[in-house]
Amino acid sequence: AGLRSRLPYLAALGVDGLWISPWY
């Protein structure tokens, strides 16, 4: 939920994608 809320921040930062450490 926190990550989803910050997706606009990451998109605006200018990166092309995310590597997400284990969420399992």
PDBML (XML) file of the C-alpha atoms, coordinates in Angstrom:
<?xml version="1.0" encoding="UTF-8" ?>
<PDBx:datablock datablockName="MODEL"
   xmlns:PDBx="http://pdbml.pdb.org/schema/pdbx-v50.xsd"
   xmlns:xsi="http://www.w3.org/2001/XMLSchema-instance"
   xsi:schemaLocation="http://pdbml.pdb.org/schema/pdbx-v50.xsd pdbx-v50.xsd">
   <PDBx:atom_siteCategory>
      <PDBx:atom_site id="1">
         <PDBx:B_iso_or_equiv>0.00</PDBx:B_iso_or_equiv>
         <PDBx:Cartn_x>0.000</PDBx:Cartn_x>
         <PDBx:Cartn_y>0.000</PDBx:Cartn_y>
         <PDBx:Cartn_z>0.000</PDBx:Cartn_z>
         <PDBx:auth_asym_id>A</PDBx:auth_asym_id>
         <PDBx:auth_atom_id>CA</PDBx:auth_atom_id>
         <PDBx:auth_comp_id>ALA</PDBx:auth_comp_id>
         <PDBx:auth_seq_id>1</PDBx:auth_seq_id>
         <PDBx:group_PDB>ATOM</PDBx:group_PDB>
         <PDBx:label_alt_id xsi:nil="true" />
         <PDBx:label_asym_id>A</PDBx:label_asym_id>
         <PDBx:label_atom_id>CA</PDBx:label_atom_id>
         <PDBx:label_comp_id>ALA</PDBx:label_comp_id>
         <PDBx:label_entity_id>1</PDBx:label_entity_id>
         <PDBx:label_seq_id>1</PDBx:label_seq_id>
         <PDBx:occupancy>1.00</PDBx:occupancy>
         <PDBx:pdbx_PDB_model_num>1</PDBx:pdbx_PDB_model_num>
         <PDBx:type_symbol>C</PDBx:type_symbol>
      </PDBx:atom_site>
      <PDBx:atom_site id="2">
         <PDBx:B_iso_or_equiv>0.00</PDBx:B_iso_or_equiv>
         <PDBx:Cartn_x>2.835</PDBx:Cartn_x>
         <PDBx:Cartn_y>2.372</PDBx:Cartn_y>
         <PDBx:Cartn_z>0.822</PDBx:Cartn_z>
         <PDBx:auth_asym_id>A</PDBx:auth_asym_id>
         <PDBx:auth_atom_id>CA</PDBx:auth_atom_id>
         <PDBx:auth_comp_id>GLY</PDBx:auth_comp_id>
         <PDBx:auth_seq_id>2</PDBx:auth_seq_id>
         <PDBx:group_PDB>ATOM</PDBx:group_PDB>
         <PDBx:label_alt_id xsi:nil="true" />
         <PDBx:label_asym_id>A</PDBx:label_asym_id>
         <PDBx:label_atom_id>CA</PDBx:label_atom_id>
         <PDBx:label_comp_id>GLY</PDBx:label_comp_id>
         <PDBx:label_entity_id>1</PDBx:label_entity_id>
         <PDBx:label_seq_id>2</PDBx:label_seq_id>
         <PDBx:occupancy>1.00</PDBx:occupancy>
         <PDBx:pdbx_PDB_model_num>1</PDBx:pdbx_PDB_model_num>
         <PDBx:type_symbol>C</PDBx:type_symbol>
      </PDBx:atom_site>
      <PDBx:atom_site id="3">
         <PDBx:B_iso_or_equiv>0.00</PDBx:B_iso_or_equiv>
         <PDBx:Cartn_x>4.679</PDBx:Cartn_x>
         <PDBx:Cartn_y>1.503</PDBx:Cartn_y>
         <PDBx:Cartn_z>-2.377</PDBx:Cartn_z>
         <PDBx:auth_asym_id>A</PDBx:auth_asym_id>
         <PDBx:auth_atom_id>CA</PDBx:auth_atom_id>
         <PDBx:auth_comp_id>LEU</PDBx:auth_comp_id>
         <PDBx:auth_seq_id>3</PDBx:auth_seq_id>
         <PDBx:group_PDB>ATOM</PDBx:group_PDB>
         <PDBx:label_alt_id xsi:nil="true" />
         <PDBx:label_asym_id>A</PDBx:label_asym_id>
         <PDBx:label_atom_id>CA</PDBx:label_atom_id>
         <PDBx:label_comp_id>LEU</PDBx:label_comp_id>
         <PDBx:label_entity_id>1</PDBx:label_entity_id>
         <PDBx:label_seq_id>3</PDBx:label_seq_id>
         <PDBx:occupancy>1.00</PDBx:occupancy>
         <PDBx:pdbx_PDB_model_num>1</PDBx:pdbx_PDB_model_num>
         <PDBx:type_symbol>C</PDBx:type_symbol>
      </PDBx:atom_site>
      <PDBx:atom_site id="4">
         <PDBx:B_iso_or_equiv>0.00</PDBx:B_iso_or_equiv>
         <PDBx:Cartn_x>1.564</PDBx:Cartn_x>
         <PDBx:Cartn_y>1.991</PDBx:Cartn_y>
         <PDBx:Cartn_z>-4.499</PDBx:Cartn_z>
         <PDBx:auth_asym_id>A</PDBx:auth_asym_id>
         <PDBx:auth_atom_id>CA</PDBx:auth_atom_id>
         <PDBx:auth_comp_id>ARG</PDBx:auth_comp_id>
         <PDBx:auth_seq_id>4</PDBx:auth_seq_id>
         <PDBx:group_PDB>ATOM</PDBx:group_PDB>
         <PDBx:label_alt_id xsi:nil="true" />
         <PDBx:label_asym_id>A</PDBx:label_asym_id>
         <PDBx:label_atom_id>CA</PDBx:label_atom_id>
         <PDBx:label_comp_id>ARG</PDBx:label_comp_id>
         <PDBx:label_entity_id>1</PDBx:label_entity_id>
         <PDBx:label_seq_id>4</PDBx:label_seq_id>
         <PDBx:occupancy>1.00</PDBx:occupancy>
         <PDBx:pdbx_PDB_model_num>1</PDBx:pdbx_PDB_model_num>
         <PDBx:type_symbol>C</PDBx:type_symbol>
      </PDBx:atom_site>
      <PDBx:atom_site id="5">
         <PDBx:B_iso_or_equiv>0.00</PDBx:B_iso_or_equiv>
         <PDBx:Cartn_x>1.009</PDBx:Cartn_x>
         <PDBx:Cartn_y>5.406</PDBx:Cartn_y>
         <PDBx:Cartn_z>-2.940</PDBx:Cartn_z>
         <PDBx:auth_asym_id>A</PDBx:auth_asym_id>
         <PDBx:auth_atom_id>CA</PDBx:auth_atom_id>
         <PDBx:auth_comp_id>SER</PDBx:auth_comp_id>
         <PDBx:auth_seq_id>5</PDBx:auth_seq_id>
         <PDBx:group_PDB>ATOM</PDBx:group_PDB>
         <PDBx:label_alt_id xsi:nil="true" />
         <PDBx:label_asym_id>A</PDBx:label_asym_id>
         <PDBx:label_atom_id>CA</PDBx:label_atom_id>
         <PDBx:label_comp_id>SER</PDBx:label_comp_id>
         <PDBx:label_entity_id>1</PDBx:label_entity_id>
         <PDBx:label_seq_id>5</PDBx:label_seq_id>
         <PDBx:occupancy>1.00</PDBx:occupancy>
         <PDBx:pdbx_PDB_model_num>1</PDBx:pdbx_PDB_model_num>
         <PDBx:type_symbol>C</PDBx:type_symbol>
      </PDBx:atom_site>
      <PDBx:atom_site id="6">
         <PDBx:B_iso_or_equiv>0.00</PDBx:B_iso_or_equiv>
         <PDBx:Cartn_x>4.554</PDBx:Cartn_x>
         <PDBx:Cartn_y>6.438</PDBx:Cartn_y>
         <PDBx:Cartn_z>-3.923</PDBx:Cartn_z>
         <PDBx:auth_asym_id>A</PDBx:auth_asym_id>
         <PDBx:auth_atom_id>CA</PDBx:auth_atom_id>
         <PDBx:auth_comp_id>ARG</PDBx:auth_comp_id>
         <PDBx:auth_seq_id>6</PDBx:auth_seq_id>
         <PDBx:group_PDB>ATOM</PDBx:group_PDB>
         <PDBx:label_alt_id xsi:nil="true" />
         <PDBx:label_asym_id>A</PDBx:label_asym_id>
         <PDBx:label_atom_id>CA</PDBx:label_atom_id>
         <PDBx:label_comp_id>ARG</PDBx:label_comp_id>
         <PDBx:label_entity_id>1</PDBx:label_entity_id>
         <PDBx:label_seq_id>6</PDBx:label_seq_id>
         <PDBx:occupancy>1.00</PDBx:occupancy>
         <PDBx:pdbx_PDB_model_num>1</PDBx:pdbx_PDB_model_num>
         <PDBx:type_symbol>C</PDBx:type_symbol>
      </PDBx:atom_site>
      <PDBx:atom_site id="7">
         <PDBx:B_iso_or_equiv>0.00</PDBx:B_iso_or_equiv>
         <PDBx:Cartn_x>4.466</PDBx:Cartn_x>
         <PDBx:Cartn_y>5.275</PDBx:Cartn_y>
         <PDBx:Cartn_z>-7.544</PDBx:Cartn_z>
         <PDBx:auth_asym_id>A</PDBx:auth_asym_id>
         <PDBx:auth_atom_id>CA</PDBx:auth_atom_id>
         <PDBx:auth_comp_id>LEU</PDBx:auth_comp_id>
         <PDBx:auth_seq_id>7</PDBx:auth_seq_id>
         <PDBx:group_PDB>ATOM</PDBx:group_PDB>
         <PDBx:label_alt_id xsi:nil="true" />
         <PDBx:label_asym_id>A</PDBx:label_asym_id>
         <PDBx:label_atom_id>CA</PDBx:label_atom_id>
         <PDBx:label_comp_id>LEU</PDBx:label_comp_id>
         <PDBx:label_entity_id>1</PDBx:label_entity_id>
         <PDBx:label_seq_id>7</PDBx:label_seq_id>
         <PDBx:occupancy>1.00</PDBx:occupancy>
         <PDBx:pdbx_PDB_model_num>1</PDBx:pdbx_PDB_model_num>
         <PDBx:type_symbol>C</PDBx:type_symbol>
      </PDBx:atom_site>
      <PDBx:atom_site id="8">
         <PDBx:B_iso_or_equiv>0.00</PDBx:B_iso_or_equiv>
         <PDBx:Cartn_x>3.953</PDBx:Cartn_x>
         <PDBx:Cartn_y>8.877</PDBx:Cartn_y>
         <PDBx:Cartn_z>-8.749</PDBx:Cartn_z>
         <PDBx:auth_asym_id>A</PDBx:auth_asym_id>
         <PDBx:auth_atom_id>CA</PDBx:auth_atom_id>
         <PDBx:auth_comp_id>PRO</PDBx:auth_comp_id>
         <PDBx:auth_seq_id>8</PDBx:auth_seq_id>
         <PDBx:group_PDB>ATOM</PDBx:group_PDB>
         <PDBx:label_alt_id xsi:nil="true" />
         <PDBx:label_asym_id>A</PDBx:label_asym_id>
         <PDBx:label_atom_id>CA</PDBx:label_atom_id>
         <PDBx:label_comp_id>PRO</PDBx:label_comp_id>
         <PDBx:label_entity_id>1</PDBx:label_entity_id>
         <PDBx:label_seq_id>8</PDBx:label_seq_id>
         <PDBx:occupancy>1.00</PDBx:occupancy>
         <PDBx:pdbx_PDB_model_num>1</PDBx:pdbx_PDB_model_num>
         <PDBx:type_symbol>C</PDBx:type_symbol>
      </PDBx:atom_site>
      <PDBx:atom_site id="9">
         <PDBx:B_iso_or_equiv>0.00</PDBx:B_iso_or_equiv>
         <PDBx:Cartn_x>7.125</PDBx:Cartn_x>
         <PDBx:Cartn_y>9.864</PDBx:Cartn_y>
         <PDBx:Cartn_z>-6.893</PDBx:Cartn_z>
         <PDBx:auth_asym_id>A</PDBx:auth_asym_id>
         <PDBx:auth_atom_id>CA</PDBx:auth_atom_id>
         <PDBx:auth_comp_id>TYR</PDBx:auth_comp_id>
         <PDBx:auth_seq_id>9</PDBx:auth_seq_id>
         <PDBx:group_PDB>ATOM</PDBx:group_PDB>
         <PDBx:label_alt_id xsi:nil="true" />
         <PDBx:label_asym_id>A</PDBx:label_asym_id>
         <PDBx:label_atom_id>CA</PDBx:label_atom_id>
         <PDBx:label_comp_id>TYR</PDBx:label_comp_id>
         <PDBx:label_entity_id>1</PDBx:label_entity_id>
         <PDBx:label_seq_id>9</PDBx:label_seq_id>
         <PDBx:occupancy>1.00</PDBx:occupancy>
         <PDBx:pdbx_PDB_model_num>1</PDBx:pdbx_PDB_model_num>
         <PDBx:type_symbol>C</PDBx:type_symbol>
      </PDBx:atom_site>
      <PDBx:atom_site id="10">
         <PDBx:B_iso_or_equiv>0.00</PDBx:B_iso_or_equiv>
         <PDBx:Cartn_x>9.098</PDBx:Cartn_x>
         <PDBx:Cartn_y>7.082</PDBx:Cartn_y>
         <PDBx:Cartn_z>-8.580</PDBx:Cartn_z>
         <PDBx:auth_asym_id>A</PDBx:auth_asym_id>
         <PDBx:auth_atom_id>CA</PDBx:auth_atom_id>
         <PDBx:auth_comp_id>LEU</PDBx:auth_comp_id>
         <PDBx:auth_seq_id>10</PDBx:auth_seq_id>
         <PDBx:group_PDB>ATOM</PDBx:group_PDB>
         <PDBx:label_alt_id xsi:nil="true" />
         <PDBx:label_asym_id>A</PDBx:label_asym_id>
         <PDBx:label_atom_id>CA</PDBx:label_atom_id>
         <PDBx:label_comp_id>LEU</PDBx:label_comp_id>
         <PDBx:label_entity_id>1</PDBx:label_entity_id>
         <PDBx:label_seq_id>10</PDBx:label_seq_id>
         <PDBx:occupancy>1.00</PDBx:occupancy>
         <PDBx:pdbx_PDB_model_num>1</PDBx:pdbx_PDB_model_num>
         <PDBx:type_symbol>C</PDBx:type_symbol>
      </PDBx:atom_site>
      <PDBx:atom_site id="11">
         <PDBx:B_iso_or_equiv>0.00</PDBx:B_iso_or_equiv>
         <PDBx:Cartn_x>7.716</PDBx:Cartn_x>
         <PDBx:Cartn_y>7.848</PDBx:Cartn_y>
         <PDBx:Cartn_z>-12.023</PDBx:Cartn_z>
         <PDBx:auth_asym_id>A</PDBx:auth_asym_id>
         <PDBx:auth_atom_id>CA</PDBx:auth_atom_id>
         <PDBx:auth_comp_id>ALA</PDBx:auth_comp_id>
         <PDBx:auth_seq_id>11</PDBx:auth_seq_id>
         <PDBx:group_PDB>ATOM</PDBx:group_PDB>
         <PDBx:label_alt_id xsi:nil="true" />
         <PDBx:label_asym_id>A</PDBx:label_asym_id>
         <PDBx:label_atom_id>CA</PDBx:label_atom_id>
         <PDBx:label_comp_id>ALA</PDBx:label_comp_id>
         <PDBx:label_entity_id>1</PDBx:label_entity_id>
         <PDBx:label_seq_id>11</PDBx:label_seq_id>
         <PDBx:occupancy>1.00</PDBx:occupancy>
         <PDBx:pdbx_PDB_model_num>1</PDBx:pdbx_PDB_model_num>
         <PDBx:type_symbol>C</PDBx:type_symbol>
      </PDBx:atom_site>
      <PDBx:atom_site id="12">
         <PDBx:B_iso_or_equiv>0.00</PDBx:B_iso_or_equiv>
         <PDBx:Cartn_x>8.567</PDBx:Cartn_x>
         <PDBx:Cartn_y>11.533</PDBx:Cartn_y>
         <PDBx:Cartn_z>-11.580</PDBx:Cartn_z>
         <PDBx:auth_asym_id>A</PDBx:auth_asym_id>
         <PDBx:auth_atom_id>CA</PDBx:auth_atom_id>
         <PDBx:auth_comp_id>ALA</PDBx:auth_comp_id>
         <PDBx:auth_seq_id>12</PDBx:auth_seq_id>
         <PDBx:group_PDB>ATOM</PDBx:group_PDB>
         <PDBx:label_alt_id xsi:nil="true" />
         <PDBx:label_asym_id>A</PDBx:label_asym_id>
         <PDBx:label_atom_id>CA</PDBx:label_atom_id>
         <PDBx:label_comp_id>ALA</PDBx:label_comp_id>
         <PDBx:label_entity_id>1</PDBx:label_entity_id>
         <PDBx:label_seq_id>12</PDBx:label_seq_id>
         <PDBx:occupancy>1.00</PDBx:occupancy>
         <PDBx:pdbx_PDB_model_num>1</PDBx:pdbx_PDB_model_num>
         <PDBx:type_symbol>C</PDBx:type_symbol>
      </PDBx:atom_site>
      <PDBx:atom_site id="13">
         <PDBx:B_iso_or_equiv>0.00</PDBx:B_iso_or_equiv>
         <PDBx:Cartn_x>12.075</PDBx:Cartn_x>
         <PDBx:Cartn_y>10.618</PDBx:Cartn_y>
         <PDBx:Cartn_z>-10.387</PDBx:Cartn_z>
         <PDBx:auth_asym_id>A</PDBx:auth_asym_id>
         <PDBx:auth_atom_id>CA</PDBx:auth_atom_id>
         <PDBx:auth_comp_id>LEU</PDBx:auth_comp_id>
         <PDBx:auth_seq_id>13</PDBx:auth_seq_id>
         <PDBx:group_PDB>ATOM</PDBx:group_PDB>
         <PDBx:label_alt_id xsi:nil="true" />
         <PDBx:label_asym_id>A</PDBx:label_asym_id>
         <PDBx:label_atom_id>CA</PDBx:label_atom_id>
         <PDBx:label_comp_id>LEU</PDBx:label_comp_id>
         <PDBx:label_entity_id>1</PDBx:label_entity_id>
         <PDBx:label_seq_id>13</PDBx:label_seq_id>
         <PDBx:occupancy>1.00</PDBx:occupancy>
         <PDBx:pdbx_PDB_model_num>1</PDBx:pdbx_PDB_model_num>
         <PDBx:type_symbol>C</PDBx:type_symbol>
      </PDBx:atom_site>
      <PDBx:atom_site id="14">
         <PDBx:B_iso_or_equiv>0.00</PDBx:B_iso_or_equiv>
         <PDBx:Cartn_x>12.734</PDBx:Cartn_x>
         <PDBx:Cartn_y>9.387</PDBx:Cartn_y>
         <PDBx:Cartn_z>-13.913</PDBx:Cartn_z>
         <PDBx:auth_asym_id>A</PDBx:auth_asym_id>
         <PDBx:auth_atom_id>CA</PDBx:auth_atom_id>
         <PDBx:auth_comp_id>GLY</PDBx:auth_comp_id>
         <PDBx:auth_seq_id>14</PDBx:auth_seq_id>
         <PDBx:group_PDB>ATOM</PDBx:group_PDB>
         <PDBx:label_alt_id xsi:nil="true" />
         <PDBx:label_asym_id>A</PDBx:label_asym_id>
         <PDBx:label_atom_id>CA</PDBx:label_atom_id>
         <PDBx:label_comp_id>GLY</PDBx:label_comp_id>
         <PDBx:label_entity_id>1</PDBx:label_entity_id>
         <PDBx:label_seq_id>14</PDBx:label_seq_id>
         <PDBx:occupancy>1.00</PDBx:occupancy>
         <PDBx:pdbx_PDB_model_num>1</PDBx:pdbx_PDB_model_num>
         <PDBx:type_symbol>C</PDBx:type_symbol>
      </PDBx:atom_site>
      <PDBx:atom_site id="15">
         <PDBx:B_iso_or_equiv>0.00</PDBx:B_iso_or_equiv>
         <PDBx:Cartn_x>13.551</PDBx:Cartn_x>
         <PDBx:Cartn_y>5.715</PDBx:Cartn_y>
         <PDBx:Cartn_z>-13.428</PDBx:Cartn_z>
         <PDBx:auth_asym_id>A</PDBx:auth_asym_id>
         <PDBx:auth_atom_id>CA</PDBx:auth_atom_id>
         <PDBx:auth_comp_id>VAL</PDBx:auth_comp_id>
         <PDBx:auth_seq_id>15</PDBx:auth_seq_id>
         <PDBx:group_PDB>ATOM</PDBx:group_PDB>
         <PDBx:label_alt_id xsi:nil="true" />
         <PDBx:label_asym_id>A</PDBx:label_asym_id>
         <PDBx:label_atom_id>CA</PDBx:label_atom_id>
         <PDBx:label_comp_id>VAL</PDBx:label_comp_id>
         <PDBx:label_entity_id>1</PDBx:label_entity_id>
         <PDBx:label_seq_id>15</PDBx:label_seq_id>
         <PDBx:occupancy>1.00</PDBx:occupancy>
         <PDBx:pdbx_PDB_model_num>1</PDBx:pdbx_PDB_model_num>
         <PDBx:type_symbol>C</PDBx:type_symbol>
      </PDBx:atom_site>
      <PDBx:atom_site id="16">
         <PDBx:B_iso_or_equiv>0.00</PDBx:B_iso_or_equiv>
         <PDBx:Cartn_x>12.391</PDBx:Cartn_x>
         <PDBx:Cartn_y>3.116</PDBx:Cartn_y>
         <PDBx:Cartn_z>-15.943</PDBx:Cartn_z>
         <PDBx:auth_asym_id>A</PDBx:auth_asym_id>
         <PDBx:auth_atom_id>CA</PDBx:auth_atom_id>
         <PDBx:auth_comp_id>ASP</PDBx:auth_comp_id>
         <PDBx:auth_seq_id>16</PDBx:auth_seq_id>
         <PDBx:group_PDB>ATOM</PDBx:group_PDB>
         <PDBx:label_alt_id xsi:nil="true" />
         <PDBx:label_asym_id>A</PDBx:label_asym_id>
         <PDBx:label_atom_id>CA</PDBx:label_atom_id>
         <PDBx:label_comp_id>ASP</PDBx:label_comp_id>
         <PDBx:label_entity_id>1</PDBx:label_entity_id>
         <PDBx:label_seq_id>16</PDBx:label_seq_id>
         <PDBx:occupancy>1.00</PDBx:occupancy>
         <PDBx:pdbx_PDB_model_num>1</PDBx:pdbx_PDB_model_num>
         <PDBx:type_symbol>C</PDBx:type_symbol>
      </PDBx:atom_site>
      <PDBx:atom_site id="17">
         <PDBx:B_iso_or_equiv>0.00</PDBx:B_iso_or_equiv>
         <PDBx:Cartn_x>11.393</PDBx:Cartn_x>
         <PDBx:Cartn_y>0.407</PDBx:Cartn_y>
         <PDBx:Cartn_z>-13.523</PDBx:Cartn_z>
         <PDBx:auth_asym_id>A</PDBx:auth_asym_id>
         <PDBx:auth_atom_id>CA</PDBx:auth_atom_id>
         <PDBx:auth_comp_id>GLY</PDBx:auth_comp_id>
         <PDBx:auth_seq_id>17</PDBx:auth_seq_id>
         <PDBx:group_PDB>ATOM</PDBx:group_PDB>
         <PDBx:label_alt_id xsi:nil="true" />
         <PDBx:label_asym_id>A</PDBx:label_asym_id>
         <PDBx:label_atom_id>CA</PDBx:label_atom_id>
         <PDBx:label_comp_id>GLY</PDBx:label_comp_id>
         <PDBx:label_entity_id>1</PDBx:label_entity_id>
         <PDBx:label_seq_id>17</PDBx:label_seq_id>
         <PDBx:occupancy>1.00</PDBx:occupancy>
         <PDBx:pdbx_PDB_model_num>1</PDBx:pdbx_PDB_model_num>
         <PDBx:type_symbol>C</PDBx:type_symbol>
      </PDBx:atom_site>
      <PDBx:atom_site id="18">
         <PDBx:B_iso_or_equiv>0.00</PDBx:B_iso_or_equiv>
         <PDBx:Cartn_x>11.534</PDBx:Cartn_x>
         <PDBx:Cartn_y>-1.103</PDBx:Cartn_y>
         <PDBx:Cartn_z>-10.058</PDBx:Cartn_z>
         <PDBx:auth_asym_id>A</PDBx:auth_asym_id>
         <PDBx:auth_atom_id>CA</PDBx:auth_atom_id>
         <PDBx:auth_comp_id>LEU</PDBx:auth_comp_id>
         <PDBx:auth_seq_id>18</PDBx:auth_seq_id>
         <PDBx:group_PDB>ATOM</PDBx:group_PDB>
         <PDBx:label_alt_id xsi:nil="true" />
         <PDBx:label_asym_id>A</PDBx:label_asym_id>
         <PDBx:label_atom_id>CA</PDBx:label_atom_id>
         <PDBx:label_comp_id>LEU</PDBx:label_comp_id>
         <PDBx:label_entity_id>1</PDBx:label_entity_id>
         <PDBx:label_seq_id>18</PDBx:label_seq_id>
         <PDBx:occupancy>1.00</PDBx:occupancy>
         <PDBx:pdbx_PDB_model_num>1</PDBx:pdbx_PDB_model_num>
         <PDBx:type_symbol>C</PDBx:type_symbol>
      </PDBx:atom_site>
      <PDBx:atom_site id="19">
         <PDBx:B_iso_or_equiv>0.00</PDBx:B_iso_or_equiv>
         <PDBx:Cartn_x>13.394</PDBx:Cartn_x>
         <PDBx:Cartn_y>-4.078</PDBx:Cartn_y>
         <PDBx:Cartn_z>-8.676</PDBx:Cartn_z>
         <PDBx:auth_asym_id>A</PDBx:auth_asym_id>
         <PDBx:auth_atom_id>CA</PDBx:auth_atom_id>
         <PDBx:auth_comp_id>TRP</PDBx:auth_comp_id>
         <PDBx:auth_seq_id>19</PDBx:auth_seq_id>
         <PDBx:group_PDB>ATOM</PDBx:group_PDB>
         <PDBx:label_alt_id xsi:nil="true" />
         <PDBx:label_asym_id>A</PDBx:label_asym_id>
         <PDBx:label_atom_id>CA</PDBx:label_atom_id>
         <PDBx:label_comp_id>TRP</PDBx:label_comp_id>
         <PDBx:label_entity_id>1</PDBx:label_entity_id>
         <PDBx:label_seq_id>19</PDBx:label_seq_id>
         <PDBx:occupancy>1.00</PDBx:occupancy>
         <PDBx:pdbx_PDB_model_num>1</PDBx:pdbx_PDB_model_num>
         <PDBx:type_symbol>C</PDBx:type_symbol>
      </PDBx:atom_site>
      <PDBx:atom_site id="20">
         <PDBx:B_iso_or_equiv>0.00</PDBx:B_iso_or_equiv>
         <PDBx:Cartn_x>11.389</PDBx:Cartn_x>
         <PDBx:Cartn_y>-5.207</PDBx:Cartn_y>
         <PDBx:Cartn_z>-5.663</PDBx:Cartn_z>
         <PDBx:auth_asym_id>A</PDBx:auth_asym_id>
         <PDBx:auth_atom_id>CA</PDBx:auth_atom_id>
         <PDBx:auth_comp_id>ILE</PDBx:auth_comp_id>
         <PDBx:auth_seq_id>20</PDBx:auth_seq_id>
         <PDBx:group_PDB>ATOM</PDBx:group_PDB>
         <PDBx:label_alt_id xsi:nil="true" />
         <PDBx:label_asym_id>A</PDBx:label_asym_id>
         <PDBx:label_atom_id>CA</PDBx:label_atom_id>
         <PDBx:label_comp_id>ILE</PDBx:label_comp_id>
         <PDBx:label_entity_id>1</PDBx:label_entity_id>
         <PDBx:label_seq_id>20</PDBx:label_seq_id>
         <PDBx:occupancy>1.00</PDBx:occupancy>
         <PDBx:pdbx_PDB_model_num>1</PDBx:pdbx_PDB_model_num>
         <PDBx:type_symbol>C</PDBx:type_symbol>
      </PDBx:atom_site>
      <PDBx:atom_site id="21">
         <PDBx:B_iso_or_equiv>0.00</PDBx:B_iso_or_equiv>
         <PDBx:Cartn_x>13.282</PDBx:Cartn_x>
         <PDBx:Cartn_y>-7.158</PDBx:Cartn_y>
         <PDBx:Cartn_z>-3.000</PDBx:Cartn_z>
         <PDBx:auth_asym_id>A</PDBx:auth_asym_id>
         <PDBx:auth_atom_id>CA</PDBx:auth_atom_id>
         <PDBx:auth_comp_id>SER</PDBx:auth_comp_id>
         <PDBx:auth_seq_id>21</PDBx:auth_seq_id>
         <PDBx:group_PDB>ATOM</PDBx:group_PDB>
         <PDBx:label_alt_id xsi:nil="true" />
         <PDBx:label_asym_id>A</PDBx:label_asym_id>
         <PDBx:label_atom_id>CA</PDBx:label_atom_id>
         <PDBx:label_comp_id>SER</PDBx:label_comp_id>
         <PDBx:label_entity_id>1</PDBx:label_entity_id>
         <PDBx:label_seq_id>21</PDBx:label_seq_id>
         <PDBx:occupancy>1.00</PDBx:occupancy>
         <PDBx:pdbx_PDB_model_num>1</PDBx:pdbx_PDB_model_num>
         <PDBx:type_symbol>C</PDBx:type_symbol>
      </PDBx:atom_site>
      <PDBx:atom_site id="22">
         <PDBx:B_iso_or_equiv>0.00</PDBx:B_iso_or_equiv>
         <PDBx:Cartn_x>11.485</PDBx:Cartn_x>
         <PDBx:Cartn_y>-10.275</PDBx:Cartn_y>
         <PDBx:Cartn_z>-1.744</PDBx:Cartn_z>
         <PDBx:auth_asym_id>A</PDBx:auth_asym_id>
         <PDBx:auth_atom_id>CA</PDBx:auth_atom_id>
         <PDBx:auth_comp_id>PRO</PDBx:auth_comp_id>
         <PDBx:auth_seq_id>22</PDBx:auth_seq_id>
         <PDBx:group_PDB>ATOM</PDBx:group_PDB>
         <PDBx:label_alt_id xsi:nil="true" />
         <PDBx:label_asym_id>A</PDBx:label_asym_id>
         <PDBx:label_atom_id>CA</PDBx:label_atom_id>
         <PDBx:label_comp_id>PRO</PDBx:label_comp_id>
         <PDBx:label_entity_id>1</PDBx:label_entity_id>
         <PDBx:label_seq_id>22</PDBx:label_seq_id>
         <PDBx:occupancy>1.00</PDBx:occupancy>
         <PDBx:pdbx_PDB_model_num>1</PDBx:pdbx_PDB_model_num>
         <PDBx:type_symbol>C</PDBx:type_symbol>
      </PDBx:atom_site>
      <PDBx:atom_site id="23">
         <PDBx:B_iso_or_equiv>0.00</PDBx:B_iso_or_equiv>
         <PDBx:Cartn_x>7.830</PDBx:Cartn_x>
         <PDBx:Cartn_y>-9.716</PDBx:Cartn_y>
         <PDBx:Cartn_z>-0.915</PDBx:Cartn_z>
         <PDBx:auth_asym_id>A</PDBx:auth_asym_id>
         <PDBx:auth_atom_id>CA</PDBx:auth_atom_id>
         <PDBx:auth_comp_id>TRP</PDBx:auth_comp_id>
         <PDBx:auth_seq_id>23</PDBx:auth_seq_id>
         <PDBx:group_PDB>ATOM</PDBx:group_PDB>
         <PDBx:label_alt_id xsi:nil="true" />
         <PDBx:label_asym_id>A</PDBx:label_asym_id>
         <PDBx:label_atom_id>CA</PDBx:label_atom_id>
         <PDBx:label_comp_id>TRP</PDBx:label_comp_id>
         <PDBx:label_entity_id>1</PDBx:label_entity_id>
         <PDBx:label_seq_id>23</PDBx:label_seq_id>
         <PDBx:occupancy>1.00</PDBx:occupancy>
         <PDBx:pdbx_PDB_model_num>1</PDBx:pdbx_PDB_model_num>
         <PDBx:type_symbol>C</PDBx:type_symbol>
      </PDBx:atom_site>
      <PDBx:atom_site id="24">
         <PDBx:B_iso_or_equiv>0.00</PDBx:B_iso_or_equiv>
         <PDBx:Cartn_x>7.001</PDBx:Cartn_x>
         <PDBx:Cartn_y>-13.388</PDBx:Cartn_y>
         <PDBx:Cartn_z>-0.428</PDBx:Cartn_z>
         <PDBx:auth_asym_id>A</PDBx:auth_asym_id>
         <PDBx:auth_atom_id>CA</PDBx:auth_atom_id>
         <PDBx:auth_comp_id>TYR</PDBx:auth_comp_id>
         <PDBx:auth_seq_id>24</PDBx:auth_seq_id>
         <PDBx:group_PDB>ATOM</PDBx:group_PDB>
         <PDBx:label_alt_id xsi:nil="true" />
         <PDBx:label_asym_id>A</PDBx:label_asym_id>
         <PDBx:label_atom_id>CA</PDBx:label_atom_id>
         <PDBx:label_comp_id>TYR</PDBx:label_comp_id>
         <PDBx:label_entity_id>1</PDBx:label_entity_id>
         <PDBx:label_seq_id>24</PDBx:label_seq_id>
         <PDBx:occupancy>1.00</PDBx:occupancy>
         <PDBx:pdbx_PDB_model_num>1</PDBx:pdbx_PDB_model_num>
         <PDBx:type_symbol>C</PDBx:type_symbol>
      </PDBx:atom_site>
   </PDBx:atom_siteCategory>
</PDBx:datablock>
